[in-house]
PDB file of N, CA and C in Angstrom:
ATOM      1  N   MET A   1     154.042  49.774 234.632  1.00  0.00           N
ATOM      2  CA  MET A   1     153.703  48.503 234.017  1.00  0.00           C
ATOM      3  C   MET A   1     154.677  47.487 234.632  1.00  0.00           C
ATOM      4  N   LEU A   2     154.110  46.394 234.905  1.00  0.00           N
ATOM      5  CA  LEU A   2     154.862  45.309 235.551  1.00  0.00           C
ATOM      6  C   LEU A   2     155.581  44.471 234.495  1.00  0.00           C
ATOM      7  N   LYS A   3     156.751  43.993 234.788  1.00  0.00           N
ATOM      8  CA  LYS A   3     157.545  43.078 233.935  1.00  0.00           C
ATOM      9  C   LYS A   3     156.945  41.643 234.175  1.00  0.00           C
ATOM     10  N   PRO A   4     157.052  40.782 233.243  1.00  0.00           N
ATOM     11  CA  PRO A   4     156.521  39.398 233.368  1.00  0.00           C
ATOM     12  C   PRO A   4     157.103  38.736 234.615  1.00  0.00           C
ATOM     13  N   LEU A   5     158.356  38.941 234.920  1.00  0.00           N
ATOM     14  CA  LEU A   5     158.951  38.278 236.123  1.00  0.00           C
ATOM     15  C   LEU A   5     158.258  38.813 237.394  1.00  0.00           C
ATOM     16  N   GLN A   6     157.966  40.082 237.466  1.00  0.00           N
ATOM     17  CA  GLN A   6     157.203  40.618 238.651  1.00  0.00           C
ATOM     18  C   GLN A   6     155.867  39.979 238.734  1.00  0.00           C
ATOM     19  N   LYS A   7     155.207  39.804 237.570  1.00  0.00           N
ATOM     20  CA  LYS A   7     153.864  39.202 237.555  1.00  0.00           C
ATOM     21  C   LYS A   7     153.964  37.795 238.095  1.00  0.00           C
ATOM     22  N   VAL A   8     154.957  37.071 237.677  1.00  0.00           N
ATOM     23  CA  VAL A   8     155.190  35.639 238.219  1.00  0.00           C
ATOM     24  C   VAL A   8     155.258  35.672 239.714  1.00  0.00           C
ATOM     25  N   ALA A   9     156.089  36.571 240.240  1.00  0.00           N
ATOM     26  CA  ALA A   9     156.258  36.636 241.654  1.00  0.00           C
ATOM     27  C   ALA A   9     154.922  36.929 242.361  1.00  0.00           C
ATOM     28  N   ILE A  10     154.156  37.807 241.784  1.00  0.00           N
ATOM     29  CA  ILE A  10     152.898  38.130 242.362  1.00  0.00           C
ATOM     30  C   ILE A  10     151.935  36.908 242.311  1.00  0.00           C
ATOM     31  N   ILE A  11     151.949  36.208 241.198  1.00  0.00           N
ATOM     32  CA  ILE A  11     151.185  34.982 241.056  1.00  0.00           C
ATOM     33  C   ILE A  11     151.527  33.994 242.174  1.00  0.00           C
ATOM     34  N   PHE A  12     152.794  33.813 242.404  1.00  0.00           N
ATOM     35  CA  PHE A  12     153.201  32.882 243.460  1.00  0.00           C
ATOM     36  C   PHE A  12     152.668  33.369 244.873  1.00  0.00           C
ATOM     37  N   ALA A  13     152.717  34.653 245.057  1.00  0.00           N
ATOM     38  CA  ALA A  13     152.170  35.240 246.313  1.00  0.00           C
ATOM     39  C   ALA A  13     150.698  34.961 246.414  1.00  0.00           C
ATOM     40  N   ILE A  14     150.008  35.067 245.344  1.00  0.00           N
ATOM     41  CA  ILE A  14     148.531  34.855 245.421  1.00  0.00           C
ATOM     42  C   ILE A  14     148.206  33.406 245.593  1.00  0.00           C
ATOM     43  N   VAL A  15     148.861  32.524 244.897  1.00  0.00           N
ATOM     44  CA  VAL A  15     148.442  31.097 244.954  1.00  0.00           C
ATOM     45  C   VAL A  15     148.865  30.425 246.284  1.00  0.00           C
ATOM     46  N   GLY A  16     149.837  31.030 246.933  1.00  0.00           N
ATOM     47  CA  GLY A  16     150.273  30.467 248.220  1.00  0.00           C
ATOM     48  C   GLY A  16     151.411  29.523 248.183  1.00  0.00           C
ATOM     49  N   PHE A  17     151.893  29.235 249.414  1.00  0.00           N
ATOM     50  CA  PHE A  17     153.076  28.405 249.535  1.00  0.00           C
ATOM     51  C   PHE A  17     153.017  27.031 248.947  1.00  0.00           C
ATOM     52  N   GLU A  18     151.991  26.268 249.305  1.00  0.00           N
ATOM     53  CA  GLU A  18     151.895  24.892 248.923  1.00  0.00           C
ATOM     54  C   GLU A  18     151.833  24.725 247.399  1.00  0.00           C
ATOM     55  N   LYS A  19     150.903  25.467 246.761  1.00  0.00           N
ATOM     56  CA  LYS A  19     150.769  25.406 245.307  1.00  0.00           C
ATOM     57  C   LYS A  19     152.079  25.960 244.646  1.00  0.00           C
ATOM     58  N   GLY A  20     152.571  27.030 245.145  1.00  0.00           N
ATOM     59  CA  GLY A  20     153.760  27.686 244.609  1.00  0.00           C
ATOM     60  C   GLY A  20     154.970  26.736 244.644  1.00  0.00           C
ATOM     61  N   ARG A  21     155.128  26.067 245.810  1.00  0.00           N
ATOM     62  CA  ARG A  21     156.223  25.141 245.906  1.00  0.00           C
ATOM     63  C   ARG A  21     156.157  24.030 244.898  1.00  0.00           C
ATOM     64  N   SER A  22     154.977  23.450 244.687  1.00  0.00           N
ATOM     65  CA  SER A  22     154.828  22.381 243.703  1.00  0.00           C
ATOM     66  C   SER A  22     155.111  22.902 242.304  1.00  0.00           C
ATOM     67  N   ILE A  23     154.864  24.087 241.985  1.00  0.00           N
ATOM     68  CA  ILE A  23     155.188  24.647 240.680  1.00  0.00           C
ATOM     69  C   ILE A  23     156.709  24.839 240.590  1.00  0.00           C
ATOM     70  N   ILE A  24     157.310  25.448 241.603  1.00  0.00           N
ATOM     71  CA  ILE A  24     158.771  25.701 241.562  1.00  0.00           C
ATOM     72  C   ILE A  24     159.528  24.377 241.392  1.00  0.00           C
ATOM     73  N   GLU A  25     159.052  23.268 242.033  1.00  0.00           N
ATOM     74  CA  GLU A  25     159.683  22.021 241.863  1.00  0.00           C
ATOM     75  C   GLU A  25     159.808  21.536 240.440  1.00  0.00           C
ATOM     76  N   LEU A  26     158.932  22.026 239.549  1.00  0.00           N
ATOM     77  CA  LEU A  26     158.947  21.638 238.183  1.00  0.00           C
ATOM     78  C   LEU A  26     159.837  22.535 237.298  1.00  0.00           C
ATOM     79  N   MET A  27     160.258  23.655 237.875  1.00  0.00           N
ATOM     80  CA  MET A  27     161.112  24.582 237.094  1.00  0.00           C
ATOM     81  C   MET A  27     162.568  24.121 237.030  1.00  0.00           C
ATOM     82  N   ASP A  28     163.234  24.567 235.974  1.00  0.00           N
ATOM     83  CA  ASP A  28     164.690  24.236 235.921  1.00  0.00           C
ATOM     84  C   ASP A  28     165.439  25.159 236.811  1.00  0.00           C
ATOM     85  N   SER A  29     166.646  24.921 237.105  1.00  0.00           N
ATOM     86  CA  SER A  29     167.412  25.668 238.025  1.00  0.00           C
ATOM     87  C   SER A  29     167.569  27.188 237.641  1.00  0.00           C
ATOM     88  N   ASP A  30     167.723  27.443 236.318  1.00  0.00           N
ATOM     89  CA  ASP A  30     167.806  28.829 235.894  1.00  0.00           C
ATOM     90  C   ASP A  30     166.522  29.570 236.068  1.00  0.00           C
ATOM     91  N   GLU A  31     165.439  28.934 235.880  1.00  0.00           N
ATOM     92  CA  GLU A  31     164.082  29.574 236.120  1.00  0.00           C
ATOM     93  C   GLU A  31     163.960  29.894 237.659  1.00  0.00           C
ATOM     94  N   ILE A  32     164.320  28.938 238.443  1.00  0.00           N
ATOM     95  CA  ILE A  32     164.280  29.190 239.921  1.00  0.00           C
ATOM     96  C   ILE A  32     165.139  30.359 240.306  1.00  0.00           C
ATOM     97  N   LYS A  33     166.396  30.391 239.739  1.00  0.00           N
ATOM     98  CA  LYS A  33     167.301  31.528 240.021  1.00  0.00           C
ATOM     99  C   LYS A  33     166.742  32.866 239.617  1.00  0.00           C
ATOM    100  N   ALA A  34     165.848  32.877 238.595  1.00  0.00           N
ATOM    101  CA  ALA A  34     165.270  34.156 238.196  1.00  0.00           C
ATOM    102  C   ALA A  34     164.093  34.531 239.000  1.00  0.00           C
ATOM    103  N   VAL A  35     163.234  33.478 239.373  1.00  0.00           N
ATOM    104  CA  VAL A  35     161.984  33.788 240.045  1.00  0.00           C
ATOM    105  C   VAL A  35     162.113  34.003 241.508  1.00  0.00           C
ATOM    106  N   VAL A  36     162.883  33.208 242.203  1.00  0.00           N
ATOM    107  CA  VAL A  36     162.973  33.298 243.681  1.00  0.00           C
ATOM    108  C   VAL A  36     163.439  34.683 244.185  1.00  0.00           C
ATOM    109  N   PRO A  37     164.476  35.255 243.588  1.00  0.00           N
ATOM    110  CA  PRO A  37     164.770  36.626 244.065  1.00  0.00           C
ATOM    111  C   PRO A  37     163.684  37.638 243.847  1.00  0.00           C
ATOM    112  N   GLU A  38     162.954  37.473 242.818  1.00  0.00           N
ATOM    113  CA  GLU A  38     161.836  38.427 242.535  1.00  0.00           C
ATOM    114  C   GLU A  38     160.713  38.190 243.592  1.00  0.00           C
ATOM    115  N   ILE A  39     160.478  36.997 243.962  1.00  0.00           N
ATOM    116  CA  ILE A  39     159.532  36.703 245.008  1.00  0.00           C
ATOM    117  C   ILE A  39     160.010  37.367 246.353  1.00  0.00           C
ATOM    118  N   ARG A  40     161.275  37.254 246.645  1.00  0.00           N
ATOM    119  CA  ARG A  40     161.848  37.840 247.874  1.00  0.00           C
ATOM    120  C   ARG A  40     161.697  39.335 247.915  1.00  0.00           C
ATOM    121  N   LYS A  41     161.674  39.963 246.747  1.00  0.00           N
ATOM    122  CA  LYS A  41     161.554  41.377 246.674  1.00  0.00           C
ATOM    123  C   LYS A  41     160.201  41.993 247.027  1.00  0.00           C
ATOM    124  N   LEU A  42     159.192  41.082 246.975  1.00  0.00           N
ATOM    125  CA  LEU A  42     157.822  41.495 247.279  1.00  0.00           C
ATOM    126  C   LEU A  42     157.678  41.914 248.696  1.00  0.00           C
ATOM    127  N   ILE A  43     157.116  43.098 248.864  1.00  0.00           N
ATOM    128  CA  ILE A  43     156.885  43.524 250.225  1.00  0.00           C
ATOM    129  C   ILE A  43     155.380  43.622 250.486  1.00  0.00           C
ATOM    130  N   GLU A  44     154.738  44.493 249.663  1.00  0.00           N
ATOM    131  CA  GLU A  44     153.321  44.602 249.797  1.00  0.00           C
ATOM    132  C   GLU A  44     152.738  44.790 248.322  1.00  0.00           C
ATOM    133  N   ILE A  45     151.722  44.096 248.087  1.00  0.00           N
ATOM    134  CA  ILE A  45     151.063  44.178 246.754  1.00  0.00           C
ATOM    135  C   ILE A  45     149.672  44.725 246.966  1.00  0.00           C
ATOM    136  N   SER A  46     149.413  45.827 246.299  1.00  0.00           N
ATOM    137  CA  SER A  46     148.122  46.466 246.497  1.00  0.00           C
ATOM    138  C   SER A  46     146.991  45.509 245.903  1.00  0.00           C
ATOM    139  N   PRO A  47     145.801  45.629 246.457  1.00  0.00           N
ATOM    140  CA  PRO A  47     144.691  44.785 245.981  1.00  0.00           C
ATOM    141  C   PRO A  47     144.467  45.024 244.454  1.00  0.00           C
ATOM    142  N   GLU A  48     144.635  46.265 244.008  1.00  0.00           N
ATOM    143  CA  GLU A  48     144.411  46.548 242.594  1.00  0.00           C
ATOM    144  C   GLU A  48     145.424  45.802 241.671  1.00  0.00           C
ATOM    145  N   VAL A  49     146.722  45.826 242.103  1.00  0.00           N
ATOM    146  CA  VAL A  49     147.735  45.123 241.354  1.00  0.00           C
ATOM    147  C   VAL A  49     147.485  43.586 241.391  1.00  0.00           C
ATOM    148  N   GLN A  50     147.103  43.072 242.523  1.00  0.00           N
ATOM    149  CA  GLN A  50     146.811  41.675 242.656  1.00  0.00           C
ATOM    150  C   GLN A  50     145.651  41.299 241.688  1.00  0.00           C
ATOM    151  N   GLN A  51     144.650  42.093 241.656  1.00  0.00           N
ATOM    152  CA  GLN A  51     143.484  41.861 240.834  1.00  0.00           C
ATOM    153  C   GLN A  51     143.851  41.959 239.331  1.00  0.00           C
ATOM    154  N   GLN A  52     144.696  42.881 238.987  1.00  0.00           N
ATOM    155  CA  GLN A  52     145.145  43.073 237.603  1.00  0.00           C
ATOM    156  C   GLN A  52     145.939  41.863 237.110  1.00  0.00           C
ATOM    157  N   VAL A  53     146.886  41.412 237.975  1.00  0.00           N
ATOM    158  CA  VAL A  53     147.704  40.288 237.598  1.00  0.00           C
ATOM    159  C   VAL A  53     146.885  38.970 237.545  1.00  0.00           C
ATOM    160  N   TRP A  54     145.999  38.847 238.494  1.00  0.00           N
ATOM    161  CA  TRP A  54     145.178  37.670 238.595  1.00  0.00           C
ATOM    162  C   TRP A  54     144.242  37.609 237.331  1.00  0.00           C
ATOM    163  N   ALA A  55     143.722  38.737 236.963  1.00  0.00           N
ATOM    164  CA  ALA A  55     142.824  38.774 235.766  1.00  0.00           C
ATOM    165  C   ALA A  55     143.587  38.311 234.569  1.00  0.00           C
ATOM    166  N   GLU A  56     144.811  38.834 234.386  1.00  0.00           N
ATOM    167  CA  GLU A  56     145.613  38.447 233.254  1.00  0.00           C
ATOM    168  C   GLU A  56     145.885  36.932 233.263  1.00  0.00           C
ATOM    169  N   PHE A  57     146.206  36.448 234.419  1.00  0.00           N
ATOM    170  CA  PHE A  57     146.539  35.049 234.591  1.00  0.00           C
ATOM    171  C   PHE A  57     145.391  34.168 234.237  1.00  0.00           C
ATOM    172  N   THR A  58     144.146  34.516 234.658  1.00  0.00           N
ATOM    173  CA  THR A  58     142.996  33.710 234.279  1.00  0.00           C
ATOM    174  C   THR A  58     142.659  33.891 232.805  1.00  0.00           C
ATOM    175  N   GLN A  59     142.923  35.027 232.231  1.00  0.00           N
ATOM    176  CA  GLN A  59     142.716  35.170 230.811  1.00  0.00           C
ATOM    177  C   GLN A  59     143.633  34.274 229.996  1.00  0.00           C
ATOM    178  N   LEU A  60     144.782  34.026 230.606  1.00  0.00           N
ATOM    179  CA  LEU A  60     145.706  33.092 229.847  1.00  0.00           C
ATOM    180  C   LEU A  60     145.237  31.626 229.967  1.00  0.00           C
ATOM    181  N   GLY A  61     144.270  31.365 230.849  1.00  0.00           N
ATOM    182  CA  GLY A  61     143.739  30.022 230.941  1.00  0.00           C
ATOM    183  C   GLY A  61     143.794  29.387 232.316  1.00  0.00           C
ATOM    184  N   TYR A  62     144.261  30.082 233.355  1.00  0.00           N
ATOM    185  CA  TYR A  62     144.398  29.492 234.639  1.00  0.00           C
ATOM    186  C   TYR A  62     142.995  29.082 235.193  1.00  0.00           C
ATOM    187  N   GLN A  63     142.993  27.875 235.817  1.00  0.00           N
ATOM    188  CA  GLN A  63     141.827  27.340 236.498  1.00  0.00           C
ATOM    189  C   GLN A  63     142.330  26.711 237.819  1.00  0.00           C
ATOM    190  N   ASP A  64     141.534  26.862 238.892  1.00  0.00           N
ATOM    191  CA  ASP A  64     141.918  26.382 240.219  1.00  0.00           C
ATOM    192  C   ASP A  64     142.229  24.889 240.172  1.00  0.00           C
ATOM    193  N   ASN A  65     141.633  24.069 239.317  1.00  0.00           N
ATOM    194  CA  ASN A  65     141.850  22.632 239.415  1.00  0.00           C
ATOM    195  C   ASN A  65     143.022  22.137 238.552  1.00  0.00           C
ATOM    196  N   MET A  66     143.806  23.043 238.061  1.00  0.00           N
ATOM    197  CA  MET A  66     144.920  22.646 237.206  1.00  0.00           C
ATOM    198  C   MET A  66     146.055  22.017 238.022  1.00  0.00           C
ATOM    199  N   ARG A  67     146.766  21.106 237.330  1.00  0.00           N
ATOM    200  CA  ARG A  67     147.920  20.460 237.895  1.00  0.00           C
ATOM    201  C   ARG A  67     149.068  21.520 237.906  1.00  0.00           C
ATOM    202  N   PRO A  68     150.057  21.341 238.760  1.00  0.00           N
ATOM    203  CA  PRO A  68     151.198  22.268 238.780  1.00  0.00           C
ATOM    204  C   PRO A  68     151.879  22.430 237.412  1.00  0.00           C
ATOM    205  N   SER A  69     152.027  21.310 236.672  1.00  0.00           N
ATOM    206  CA  SER A  69     152.698  21.433 235.361  1.00  0.00           C
ATOM    207  C   SER A  69     151.863  22.247 234.402  1.00  0.00           C
ATOM    208  N   GLU A  70     150.525  22.247 234.514  1.00  0.00           N
ATOM    209  CA  GLU A  70     149.675  23.121 233.702  1.00  0.00           C
ATOM    210  C   GLU A  70     149.784  24.526 234.104  1.00  0.00           C
ATOM    211  N   ILE A  71     149.794  24.775 235.358  1.00  0.00           N
ATOM    212  CA  ILE A  71     150.060  26.171 235.822  1.00  0.00           C
ATOM    213  C   ILE A  71     151.381  26.709 235.383  1.00  0.00           C
ATOM    214  N   LEU A  72     152.430  25.910 235.417  1.00  0.00           N
ATOM    215  CA  LEU A  72     153.739  26.396 234.944  1.00  0.00           C
ATOM    216  C   LEU A  72     153.636  26.726 233.483  1.00  0.00           C
ATOM    217  N   SER A  73     152.887  25.948 232.684  1.00  0.00           N
ATOM    218  CA  SER A  73     152.728  26.288 231.291  1.00  0.00           C
ATOM    219  C   SER A  73     152.024  27.671 231.130  1.00  0.00           C
ATOM    220  N   ILE A  74     151.029  27.933 231.960  1.00  0.00           N
ATOM    221  CA  ILE A  74     150.314  29.206 231.933  1.00  0.00           C
ATOM    222  C   ILE A  74     151.290  30.325 232.300  1.00  0.00           C
ATOM    223  N   ILE A  75     152.061  30.110 233.314  1.00  0.00           N
ATOM    224  CA  ILE A  75     153.069  31.154 233.711  1.00  0.00           C
ATOM    225  C   ILE A  75     154.061  31.436 232.564  1.00  0.00           C
ATOM    226  N   ARG A  76     154.468  30.392 231.942  1.00  0.00           N
ATOM    227  CA  ARG A  76     155.407  30.566 230.795  1.00  0.00           C
ATOM    228  C   ARG A  76     154.825  31.356 229.639  1.00  0.00           C
ATOM    229  N   LEU A  77     153.504  31.346 229.557  1.00  0.00           N
ATOM    230  CA  LEU A  77     152.890  32.196 228.465  1.00  0.00           C
ATOM    231  C   LEU A  77     153.228  33.647 228.655  1.00  0.00           C
ATOM    232  N   LEU A  78     153.465  34.110 229.895  1.00  0.00           N
ATOM    233  CA  LEU A  78     153.960  35.434 230.091  1.00  0.00           C
ATOM    234  C   LEU A  78     155.264  35.730 229.438  1.00  0.00           C
ATOM    235  N   PHE A  79     156.031  34.656 229.116  1.00  0.00           N
ATOM    236  CA  PHE A  79     157.294  34.761 228.474  1.00  0.00           C
ATOM    237  C   PHE A  79     157.231  34.235 227.014  1.00  0.00           C
ATOM    238  N   GLY A  80     156.118  34.356 226.406  1.00  0.00           N
ATOM    239  CA  GLY A  80     155.970  33.867 225.070  1.00  0.00           C
ATOM    240  C   GLY A  80     155.934  32.381 224.905  1.00  0.00           C
ATOM    241  N   GLY A  81     155.639  31.672 225.966  1.00  0.00           N
ATOM    242  CA  GLY A  81     155.608  30.216 225.975  1.00  0.00           C
ATOM    243  C   GLY A  81     156.936  29.547 226.235  1.00  0.00           C
ATOM    244  N   SER A  82     157.972  30.299 226.320  1.00  0.00           N
ATOM    245  CA  SER A  82     159.316  29.767 226.568  1.00  0.00           C
ATOM    246  C   SER A  82     159.587  29.649 228.099  1.00  0.00           C
ATOM    247  N   LYS A  83     160.651  28.876 228.397  1.00  0.00           N
ATOM    248  CA  LYS A  83     161.069  28.852 229.770  1.00  0.00           C
ATOM    249  C   LYS A  83     161.402  30.257 230.256  1.00  0.00           C
ATOM    250  N   ILE A  84     161.169  30.590 231.472  1.00  0.00           N
ATOM    251  CA  ILE A  84     161.496  31.839 231.997  1.00  0.00           C
ATOM    252  C   ILE A  84     162.932  32.222 231.848  1.00  0.00           C
ATOM    253  N   SER A  85     163.788  31.250 232.054  1.00  0.00           N
ATOM    254  CA  SER A  85     165.241  31.502 231.958  1.00  0.00           C
ATOM    255  C   SER A  85     165.714  31.802 230.595  1.00  0.00           C
ATOM    256  N   ASP A  86     164.879  31.399 229.545  1.00  0.00           N
ATOM    257  CA  ASP A  86     165.205  31.675 228.185  1.00  0.00           C
ATOM    258  C   ASP A  86     165.011  33.174 227.843  1.00  0.00           C
ATOM    259  N   LYS A  87     164.165  33.856 228.585  1.00  0.00           N
ATOM    260  CA  LYS A  87     163.783  35.151 228.271  1.00  0.00           C
ATOM    261  C   LYS A  87     164.358  36.219 229.253  1.00  0.00           C
ATOM    262  N   VAL A  88     164.644  35.847 230.419  1.00  0.00           N
ATOM    263  CA  VAL A  88     165.149  36.815 231.469  1.00  0.00           C
ATOM    264  C   VAL A  88     166.544  37.356 230.959  1.00  0.00           C
ATOM    265  N   GLY A  89     166.619  38.668 231.107  1.00  0.00           N
ATOM    266  CA  GLY A  89     167.899  39.268 230.642  1.00  0.00           C
ATOM    267  C   GLY A  89     167.842  39.774 229.243  1.00  0.00           C
ATOM    268  N   ARG A  90     166.853  39.356 228.514  1.00  0.00           N
ATOM    269  CA  ARG A  90     166.729  39.866 227.141  1.00  0.00           C
ATOM    270  C   ARG A  90     165.736  41.002 227.058  1.00  0.00           C
ATOM    271  N   ARG A  91     164.631  40.851 226.543  1.00  0.00           N
ATOM    272  CA  ARG A  91     163.692  41.951 226.407  1.00  0.00           C
ATOM    273  C   ARG A  91     162.731  42.041 227.589  1.00  0.00           C
ATOM    274  N   PHE A  92     162.743  41.110 228.484  1.00  0.00           N
ATOM    275  CA  PHE A  92     161.886  41.086 229.657  1.00  0.00           C
ATOM    276  C   PHE A  92     162.656  41.608 230.831  1.00  0.00           C
TER     277      PHE A  92
END
């Protein structure tokens, strides 16, 4: 089972550099410090895992036409709606 931070890294890999960068620009520095190393750990993501994470992300409400701030809100739902940095190191 993937941890929420791993799912976030996979989401960034799926959405690509441009969209990912615009989302990261909205994160606070602690969130960036949590997410970027997890993105760097990604080597290869199986199509099954990509599909699983993407399905969960769309179930949370993601749509292709969303603004980066809206996407960040969806990402934060993986952390109970809180900032990523508020949850990392606790139970996630």
